[in-house]
Amino acid sequence: GEGGFFLTDDGPMAAKVAVYAGAYEGLSEKHITVPPKEVFGDLPNQLPNYSLRMSALAAAVVRPQIPTIEERVEKYNARYYMIEQR
């Protein structure tokens, strides 16, 4: 690996993190520490795959945005659905 970890006992959250990190097209099945396939459901088709490596710069940019993520998700979704209906 390239360092870093995410520790949780929340299966759905662990599945989301795995998808964000690049566990797609069945790649999650190769990992022994991710939740079972059933927990992933349709997440790989619903969430973006960032496949980013966490650098100090990326962490510095993302960390302050965490408290407002739900608000921003709502705004981004509203914009998406507005454009989709055009």
PDB file of N, CA and C in Angstrom:
ATOM      1  N   GLY A   1       0.803  -1.185   0.000  1.00  0.00           N
ATOM      2  CA  GLY A   1       0.000   0.000   0.000  1.00  0.00           C
ATOM      3  C   GLY A   1       0.849   1.253   0.000  1.00  0.00           C
ATOM      4  N   GLU A   2       0.152   2.335  -0.007  1.00  0.00           N
ATOM      5  CA  GLU A   2       0.816   3.630  -0.046  1.00  0.00           C
ATOM      6  C   GLU A   2       0.585   4.421   1.230  1.00  0.00           C
ATOM      7  N   GLY A   3       0.267   3.709   2.286  1.00  0.00           N
ATOM      8  CA  GLY A   3       0.105   4.377   3.571  1.00  0.00           C
ATOM      9  C   GLY A   3      -1.300   4.857   3.813  1.00  0.00           C
ATOM     10  N   GLY A   4      -1.556   5.185   5.043  1.00  0.00           N
ATOM     11  CA  GLY A   4      -2.861   5.684   5.448  1.00  0.00           C
ATOM     12  C   GLY A   4      -3.813   4.542   5.755  1.00  0.00           C
ATOM     13  N   PHE A   5      -4.826   4.859   6.547  1.00  0.00           N
ATOM     14  CA  PHE A   5      -5.838   3.868   6.868  1.00  0.00           C
ATOM     15  C   PHE A   5      -7.088   4.583   7.330  1.00  0.00           C
ATOM     16  N   PHE A   6      -8.178   3.838   7.339  1.00  0.00           N
ATOM     17  CA  PHE A   6      -9.461   4.336   7.811  1.00  0.00           C
ATOM     18  C   PHE A   6      -9.998   3.280   8.760  1.00  0.00           C
ATOM     19  N   LEU A   7     -10.212   3.634   9.993  1.00  0.00           N
ATOM     20  CA  LEU A   7     -10.640   2.686  11.012  1.00  0.00           C
ATOM     21  C   LEU A   7     -12.089   2.971  11.386  1.00  0.00           C
ATOM     22  N   THR A   8     -12.937   1.961  11.232  1.00  0.00           N
ATOM     23  CA  THR A   8     -14.339   2.099  11.589  1.00  0.00           C
ATOM     24  C   THR A   8     -14.955   0.722  11.785  1.00  0.00           C
ATOM     25  N   ASP A   9     -16.046   0.673  12.528  1.00  0.00           N
ATOM     26  CA  ASP A   9     -16.824  -0.552  12.622  1.00  0.00           C
ATOM     27  C   ASP A   9     -18.173  -0.362  11.919  1.00  0.00           C
ATOM     28  N   ASP A  10     -18.261   0.688  11.116  1.00  0.00           N
ATOM     29  CA  ASP A  10     -19.462   1.029  10.359  1.00  0.00           C
ATOM     30  C   ASP A  10     -19.300   0.470   8.935  1.00  0.00           C
ATOM     31  N   GLY A  11     -19.961  -0.654   8.673  1.00  0.00           N
ATOM     32  CA  GLY A  11     -19.831  -1.315   7.370  1.00  0.00           C
ATOM     33  C   GLY A  11     -20.145  -0.439   6.174  1.00  0.00           C
ATOM     34  N   PRO A  12     -21.306   0.242   6.156  1.00  0.00           N
ATOM     35  CA  PRO A  12     -21.621   1.098   5.013  1.00  0.00           C
ATOM     36  C   PRO A  12     -20.595   2.223   4.808  1.00  0.00           C
ATOM     37  N   MET A  13     -20.091   2.807   5.904  1.00  0.00           N
ATOM     38  CA  MET A  13     -19.084   3.857   5.761  1.00  0.00           C
ATOM     39  C   MET A  13     -17.783   3.277   5.200  1.00  0.00           C
ATOM     40  N   ALA A  14     -17.402   2.108   5.664  1.00  0.00           N
ATOM     41  CA  ALA A  14     -16.192   1.455   5.154  1.00  0.00           C
ATOM     42  C   ALA A  14     -16.337   1.156   3.662  1.00  0.00           C
ATOM     43  N   ALA A  15     -17.527   0.737   3.239  1.00  0.00           N
ATOM     44  CA  ALA A  15     -17.767   0.464   1.820  1.00  0.00           C
ATOM     45  C   ALA A  15     -17.639   1.746   1.002  1.00  0.00           C
ATOM     46  N   LYS A  16     -18.197   2.845   1.502  1.00  0.00           N
ATOM     47  CA  LYS A  16     -18.085   4.126   0.793  1.00  0.00           C
ATOM     48  C   LYS A  16     -16.629   4.544   0.648  1.00  0.00           C
ATOM     49  N   VAL A  17     -15.870   4.427   1.728  1.00  0.00           N
ATOM     50  CA  VAL A  17     -14.459   4.811   1.688  1.00  0.00           C
ATOM     51  C   VAL A  17     -13.706   3.959   0.670  1.00  0.00           C
ATOM     52  N   ALA A  18     -14.015   2.659   0.646  1.00  0.00           N
ATOM     53  CA  ALA A  18     -13.346   1.774  -0.309  1.00  0.00           C
ATOM     54  C   ALA A  18     -13.660   2.172  -1.744  1.00  0.00           C
ATOM     55  N   VAL A  19     -14.909   2.533  -2.022  1.00  0.00           N
ATOM     56  CA  VAL A  19     -15.282   2.959  -3.373  1.00  0.00           C
ATOM     57  C   VAL A  19     -14.583   4.269  -3.727  1.00  0.00           C
ATOM     58  N   TYR A  20     -14.617   5.235  -2.815  1.00  0.00           N
ATOM     59  CA  TYR A  20     -13.932   6.505  -3.064  1.00  0.00           C
ATOM     60  C   TYR A  20     -12.448   6.286  -3.361  1.00  0.00           C
ATOM     61  N   ALA A  21     -11.853   5.301  -2.682  1.00  0.00           N
ATOM     62  CA  ALA A  21     -10.421   5.062  -2.823  1.00  0.00           C
ATOM     63  C   ALA A  21     -10.057   4.246  -4.059  1.00  0.00           C
ATOM     64  N   GLY A  22     -11.046   3.716  -4.742  1.00  0.00           N
ATOM     65  CA  GLY A  22     -10.740   3.010  -5.975  1.00  0.00           C
ATOM     66  C   GLY A  22     -11.079   1.540  -5.997  1.00  0.00           C
ATOM     67  N   ALA A  23     -11.872   1.037  -5.076  1.00  0.00           N
ATOM     68  CA  ALA A  23     -12.296  -0.368  -5.103  1.00  0.00           C
ATOM     69  C   ALA A  23     -13.501  -0.466  -6.027  1.00  0.00           C
ATOM     70  N   TYR A  24     -13.263  -0.778  -7.261  1.00  0.00           N
ATOM     71  CA  TYR A  24     -14.323  -0.834  -8.253  1.00  0.00           C
ATOM     72  C   TYR A  24     -14.169  -2.100  -9.092  1.00  0.00           C
ATOM     73  N   GLU A  25     -15.180  -2.425  -9.860  1.00  0.00           N
ATOM     74  CA  GLU A  25     -15.188  -3.597 -10.732  1.00  0.00           C
ATOM     75  C   GLU A  25     -14.738  -4.856 -10.003  1.00  0.00           C
ATOM     76  N   GLY A  26     -15.238  -5.053  -8.796  1.00  0.00           N
ATOM     77  CA  GLY A  26     -14.913  -6.251  -8.040  1.00  0.00           C
ATOM     78  C   GLY A  26     -13.590  -6.219  -7.304  1.00  0.00           C
ATOM     79  N   LEU A  27     -12.849  -5.124  -7.423  1.00  0.00           N
ATOM     80  CA  LEU A  27     -11.562  -5.050  -6.743  1.00  0.00           C
ATOM     81  C   LEU A  27     -11.711  -5.128  -5.229  1.00  0.00           C
ATOM     82  N   SER A  28     -12.855  -4.716  -4.712  1.00  0.00           N
ATOM     83  CA  SER A  28     -13.046  -4.755  -3.264  1.00  0.00           C
ATOM     84  C   SER A  28     -12.997  -6.191  -2.744  1.00  0.00           C
ATOM     85  N   GLU A  29     -13.360  -7.148  -3.588  1.00  0.00           N
ATOM     86  CA  GLU A  29     -13.357  -8.542  -3.160  1.00  0.00           C
ATOM     87  C   GLU A  29     -11.946  -9.063  -2.897  1.00  0.00           C
ATOM     88  N   LYS A  30     -10.948  -8.377  -3.404  1.00  0.00           N
ATOM     89  CA  LYS A  30      -9.561  -8.794  -3.201  1.00  0.00           C
ATOM     90  C   LYS A  30      -9.022  -8.337  -1.851  1.00  0.00           C
ATOM     91  N   HIS A  31      -9.734  -7.443  -1.190  1.00  0.00           N
ATOM     92  CA  HIS A  31      -9.295  -6.927   0.097  1.00  0.00           C
ATOM     93  C   HIS A  31      -9.966  -7.710   1.215  1.00  0.00           C
ATOM     94  N   ILE A  32      -9.206  -8.069   2.227  1.00  0.00           N
ATOM     95  CA  ILE A  32      -9.785  -8.843   3.319  1.00  0.00           C
ATOM     96  C   ILE A  32     -10.394  -7.969   4.410  1.00  0.00           C
ATOM     97  N   THR A  33     -10.175  -6.671   4.329  1.00  0.00           N
ATOM     98  CA  THR A  33     -10.626  -5.796   5.406  1.00  0.00           C
ATOM     99  C   THR A  33     -11.844  -4.953   5.051  1.00  0.00           C
ATOM    100  N   VAL A  34     -12.415  -5.140   3.880  1.00  0.00           N
ATOM    101  CA  VAL A  34     -13.615  -4.383   3.522  1.00  0.00           C
ATOM    102  C   VAL A  34     -14.855  -5.205   3.863  1.00  0.00           C
ATOM    103  N   PRO A  35     -15.994  -4.555   3.968  1.00  0.00           N
ATOM    104  CA  PRO A  35     -17.228  -5.286   4.277  1.00  0.00           C
ATOM    105  C   PRO A  35     -17.577  -6.270   3.153  1.00  0.00           C
ATOM    106  N   PRO A  36     -18.490  -7.185   3.416  1.00  0.00           N
ATOM    107  CA  PRO A  36     -18.928  -8.125   2.378  1.00  0.00           C
ATOM    108  C   PRO A  36     -19.565  -7.399   1.193  1.00  0.00           C
ATOM    109  N   LYS A  37     -19.616  -8.079   0.083  1.00  0.00           N
ATOM    110  CA  LYS A  37     -20.156  -7.514  -1.167  1.00  0.00           C
ATOM    111  C   LYS A  37     -21.559  -6.935  -0.986  1.00  0.00           C
ATOM    112  N   GLU A  38     -22.368  -7.589  -0.150  1.00  0.00           N
ATOM    113  CA  GLU A  38     -23.753  -7.127   0.041  1.00  0.00           C
ATOM    114  C   GLU A  38     -23.808  -5.704   0.600  1.00  0.00           C
ATOM    115  N   VAL A  39     -22.825  -5.338   1.404  1.00  0.00           N
ATOM    116  CA  VAL A  39     -22.810  -4.001   2.016  1.00  0.00           C
ATOM    117  C   VAL A  39     -22.552  -2.937   0.954  1.00  0.00           C
ATOM    118  N   PHE A  40     -21.797  -3.291  -0.078  1.00  0.00           N
ATOM    119  CA  PHE A  40     -21.484  -2.328  -1.139  1.00  0.00           C
ATOM    120  C   PHE A  40     -22.722  -1.982  -1.965  1.00  0.00           C
ATOM    121  N   GLY A  41     -23.602  -2.966  -2.159  1.00  0.00           N
ATOM    122  CA  GLY A  41     -24.803  -2.707  -2.944  1.00  0.00           C
ATOM    123  C   GLY A  41     -24.452  -2.049  -4.262  1.00  0.00           C
ATOM    124  N   ASP A  42     -25.089  -0.923  -4.538  1.00  0.00           N
ATOM    125  CA  ASP A  42     -24.882  -0.195  -5.793  1.00  0.00           C
ATOM    126  C   ASP A  42     -23.935   0.995  -5.609  1.00  0.00           C
ATOM    127  N   LEU A  43     -23.223   1.056  -4.487  1.00  0.00           N
ATOM    128  CA  LEU A  43     -22.337   2.194  -4.222  1.00  0.00           C
ATOM    129  C   LEU A  43     -21.341   2.471  -5.344  1.00  0.00           C
ATOM    130  N   PRO A  44     -20.734   1.446  -5.961  1.00  0.00           N
ATOM    131  CA  PRO A  44     -19.784   1.747  -7.032  1.00  0.00           C
ATOM    132  C   PRO A  44     -20.399   2.510  -8.209  1.00  0.00           C
ATOM    133  N   ASN A  45     -21.713   2.402  -8.380  1.00  0.00           N
ATOM    134  CA  ASN A  45     -22.387   3.134  -9.452  1.00  0.00           C
ATOM    135  C   ASN A  45     -22.938   4.477  -8.985  1.00  0.00           C
ATOM    136  N   GLN A  46     -22.975   4.678  -7.679  1.00  0.00           N
ATOM    137  CA  GLN A  46     -23.533   5.921  -7.135  1.00  0.00           C
ATOM    138  C   GLN A  46     -22.470   6.925  -6.725  1.00  0.00           C
ATOM    139  N   LEU A  47     -21.293   6.445  -6.365  1.00  0.00           N
ATOM    140  CA  LEU A  47     -20.251   7.319  -5.821  1.00  0.00           C
ATOM    141  C   LEU A  47     -19.103   7.496  -6.801  1.00  0.00           C
ATOM    142  N   PRO A  48     -18.453   8.631  -6.726  1.00  0.00           N
ATOM    143  CA  PRO A  48     -17.279   8.821  -7.592  1.00  0.00           C
ATOM    144  C   PRO A  48     -16.100   7.993  -7.089  1.00  0.00           C
ATOM    145  N   ASN A  49     -15.246   7.607  -8.002  1.00  0.00           N
ATOM    146  CA  ASN A  49     -14.021   6.884  -7.667  1.00  0.00           C
ATOM    147  C   ASN A  49     -12.887   7.886  -7.826  1.00  0.00           C
ATOM    148  N   TYR A  50     -12.368   8.358  -6.726  1.00  0.00           N
ATOM    149  CA  TYR A  50     -11.328   9.377  -6.778  1.00  0.00           C
ATOM    150  C   TYR A  50      -9.944   8.800  -7.027  1.00  0.00           C
ATOM    151  N   SER A  51      -9.696   7.590  -6.564  1.00  0.00           N
ATOM    152  CA  SER A  51      -8.382   6.948  -6.725  1.00  0.00           C
ATOM    153  C   SER A  51      -7.238   7.909  -6.421  1.00  0.00           C
ATOM    154  N   LEU A  52      -7.420   8.731  -5.430  1.00  0.00           N
ATOM    155  CA  LEU A  52      -6.389   9.693  -5.055  1.00  0.00           C
ATOM    156  C   LEU A  52      -5.533   9.141  -3.930  1.00  0.00           C
ATOM    157  N   ARG A  53      -4.318   9.559  -3.898  1.00  0.00           N
ATOM    158  CA  ARG A  53      -3.442   9.225  -2.786  1.00  0.00           C
ATOM    159  C   ARG A  53      -3.442  10.416  -1.850  1.00  0.00           C
ATOM    160  N   MET A  54      -3.515  10.169  -0.576  1.00  0.00           N
ATOM    161  CA  MET A  54      -3.608  11.251   0.392  1.00  0.00           C
ATOM    162  C   MET A  54      -2.229  11.851   0.647  1.00  0.00           C
ATOM    163  N   SER A  55      -2.039  13.021   0.122  1.00  0.00           N
ATOM    164  CA  SER A  55      -0.808  13.762   0.385  1.00  0.00           C
ATOM    165  C   SER A  55      -1.117  14.803   1.457  1.00  0.00           C
ATOM    166  N   ALA A  56      -0.097  15.429   1.975  1.00  0.00           N
ATOM    167  CA  ALA A  56      -0.310  16.475   2.970  1.00  0.00           C
ATOM    168  C   ALA A  56      -1.127  17.615   2.355  1.00  0.00           C
ATOM    169  N   LEU A  57      -0.883  17.916   1.096  1.00  0.00           N
ATOM    170  CA  LEU A  57      -1.620  18.987   0.427  1.00  0.00           C
ATOM    171  C   LEU A  57      -3.095  18.617   0.271  1.00  0.00           C
ATOM    172  N   ALA A  58      -3.362  17.391  -0.186  1.00  0.00           N
ATOM    173  CA  ALA A  58      -4.755  16.961  -0.346  1.00  0.00           C
ATOM    174  C   ALA A  58      -5.485  16.986   0.995  1.00  0.00           C
ATOM    175  N   ALA A  59      -4.832  16.522   2.052  1.00  0.00           N
ATOM    176  CA  ALA A  59      -5.443  16.524   3.386  1.00  0.00           C
ATOM    177  C   ALA A  59      -5.722  17.952   3.849  1.00  0.00           C
ATOM    178  N   ALA A  60      -4.785  18.852   3.587  1.00  0.00           N
ATOM    179  CA  ALA A  60      -4.955  20.244   4.010  1.00  0.00           C
ATOM    180  C   ALA A  60      -6.125  20.901   3.284  1.00  0.00           C
ATOM    181  N   VAL A  61      -6.354  20.510   2.045  1.00  0.00           N
ATOM    182  CA  VAL A  61      -7.455  21.087   1.264  1.00  0.00           C
ATOM    183  C   VAL A  61      -8.792  20.476   1.672  1.00  0.00           C
ATOM    184  N   VAL A  62      -8.817  19.174   1.891  1.00  0.00           N
ATOM    185  CA  VAL A  62     -10.072  18.472   2.170  1.00  0.00           C
ATOM    186  C   VAL A  62     -10.550  18.635   3.609  1.00  0.00           C
ATOM    187  N   ARG A  63      -9.646  18.583   4.542  1.00  0.00           N
ATOM    188  CA  ARG A  63     -10.041  18.548   5.956  1.00  0.00           C
ATOM    189  C   ARG A  63     -10.992  19.674   6.378  1.00  0.00           C
ATOM    190  N   PRO A  64     -10.750  20.923   5.996  1.00  0.00           N
ATOM    191  CA  PRO A  64     -11.679  21.983   6.407  1.00  0.00           C
ATOM    192  C   PRO A  64     -13.063  21.871   5.767  1.00  0.00           C
ATOM    193  N   GLN A  65     -13.175  21.071   4.699  1.00  0.00           N
ATOM    194  CA  GLN A  65     -14.460  20.938   4.006  1.00  0.00           C
ATOM    195  C   GLN A  65     -15.356  19.862   4.618  1.00  0.00           C
ATOM    196  N   ILE A  66     -14.811  19.010   5.450  1.00  0.00           N
ATOM    197  CA  ILE A  66     -15.575  17.889   6.007  1.00  0.00           C
ATOM    198  C   ILE A  66     -16.831  18.342   6.753  1.00  0.00           C
ATOM    199  N   PRO A  67     -16.775  19.374   7.596  1.00  0.00           N
ATOM    200  CA  PRO A  67     -17.990  19.775   8.320  1.00  0.00           C
ATOM    201  C   PRO A  67     -19.141  20.239   7.414  1.00  0.00           C
ATOM    202  N   THR A  68     -18.842  20.663   6.203  1.00  0.00           N
ATOM    203  CA  THR A  68     -19.900  21.179   5.321  1.00  0.00           C
ATOM    204  C   THR A  68     -20.241  20.223   4.187  1.00  0.00           C
ATOM    205  N   ILE A  69     -19.803  18.983   4.283  1.00  0.00           N
ATOM    206  CA  ILE A  69     -19.990  18.070   3.150  1.00  0.00           C
ATOM    207  C   ILE A  69     -21.458  17.812   2.831  1.00  0.00           C
ATOM    208  N   GLU A  70     -22.286  17.627   3.829  1.00  0.00           N
ATOM    209  CA  GLU A  70     -23.709  17.346   3.563  1.00  0.00           C
ATOM    210  C   GLU A  70     -24.367  18.523   2.841  1.00  0.00           C
ATOM    211  N   GLU A  71     -24.058  19.735   3.275  1.00  0.00           N
ATOM    212  CA  GLU A  71     -24.604  20.935   2.624  1.00  0.00           C
ATOM    213  C   GLU A  71     -24.146  21.014   1.174  1.00  0.00           C
ATOM    214  N   ARG A  72     -22.871  20.728   0.929  1.00  0.00           N
ATOM    215  CA  ARG A  72     -22.351  20.804  -0.428  1.00  0.00           C
ATOM    216  C   ARG A  72     -22.908  19.694  -1.314  1.00  0.00           C
ATOM    217  N   VAL A  73     -23.132  18.516  -0.749  1.00  0.00           N
ATOM    218  CA  VAL A  73     -23.730  17.420  -1.516  1.00  0.00           C
ATOM    219  C   VAL A  73     -25.114  17.833  -1.994  1.00  0.00           C
ATOM    220  N   GLU A  74     -25.898  18.438  -1.114  1.00  0.00           N
ATOM    221  CA  GLU A  74     -27.232  18.903  -1.499  1.00  0.00           C
ATOM    222  C   GLU A  74     -27.156  19.917  -2.635  1.00  0.00           C
ATOM    223  N   LYS A  75     -26.236  20.861  -2.542  1.00  0.00           N
ATOM    224  CA  LYS A  75     -26.090  21.876  -3.595  1.00  0.00           C
ATOM    225  C   LYS A  75     -25.656  21.252  -4.914  1.00  0.00           C
ATOM    226  N   TYR A  76     -24.664  20.356  -4.848  1.00  0.00           N
ATOM    227  CA  TYR A  76     -24.180  19.717  -6.075  1.00  0.00           C
ATOM    228  C   TYR A  76     -25.269  18.864  -6.714  1.00  0.00           C
ATOM    229  N   ASN A  77     -26.020  18.138  -5.896  1.00  0.00           N
ATOM    230  CA  ASN A  77     -27.107  17.332  -6.428  1.00  0.00           C
ATOM    231  C   ASN A  77     -28.177  18.196  -7.066  1.00  0.00           C
ATOM    232  N   ALA A  78     -28.513  19.312  -6.442  1.00  0.00           N
ATOM    233  CA  ALA A  78     -29.512  20.221  -7.007  1.00  0.00           C
ATOM    234  C   ALA A  78     -29.053  20.739  -8.370  1.00  0.00           C
ATOM    235  N   ARG A  79     -27.789  21.115  -8.468  1.00  0.00           N
ATOM    236  CA  ARG A  79     -27.252  21.580  -9.757  1.00  0.00           C
ATOM    237  C   ARG A  79     -27.298  20.468 -10.796  1.00  0.00           C
ATOM    238  N   TYR A  80     -26.909  19.278 -10.378  1.00  0.00           N
ATOM    239  CA  TYR A  80     -26.901  18.148 -11.315  1.00  0.00           C
ATOM    240  C   TYR A  80     -28.308  17.907 -11.863  1.00  0.00           C
ATOM    241  N   TYR A  81     -29.315  17.835 -10.983  1.00  0.00           N
ATOM    242  CA  TYR A  81     -30.668  17.542 -11.416  1.00  0.00           C
ATOM    243  C   TYR A  81     -31.225  18.682 -12.269  1.00  0.00           C
ATOM    244  N   MET A  82     -30.822  19.895 -12.003  1.00  0.00           N
ATOM    245  CA  MET A  82     -31.252  21.022 -12.830  1.00  0.00           C
ATOM    246  C   MET A  82     -30.707  20.864 -14.247  1.00  0.00           C
ATOM    247  N   ILE A  83     -29.442  20.528 -14.349  1.00  0.00           N
ATOM    248  CA  ILE A  83     -28.814  20.350 -15.679  1.00  0.00           C
ATOM    249  C   ILE A  83     -29.371  19.117 -16.370  1.00  0.00           C
ATOM    250  N   GLU A  84     -29.604  18.063 -15.611  1.00  0.00           N
ATOM    251  CA  GLU A  84     -30.110  16.823 -16.176  1.00  0.00           C
ATOM    252  C   GLU A  84     -31.470  17.034 -16.854  1.00  0.00           C
ATOM    253  N   GLN A  85     -32.292  17.938 -16.300  1.00  0.00           N
ATOM    254  CA  GLN A  85     -33.632  18.149 -16.840  1.00  0.00           C
ATOM    255  C   GLN A  85     -33.645  19.037 -18.073  1.00  0.00           C
ATOM    256  N   ARG A  86     -32.534  19.639 -18.406  1.00  0.00           N
ATOM    257  CA  ARG A  86     -32.492  20.517 -19.590  1.00  0.00           C
ATOM    258  C   ARG A  86     -32.557  19.736 -20.870  1.00  0.00           C
TER     259      ARG A  86
END
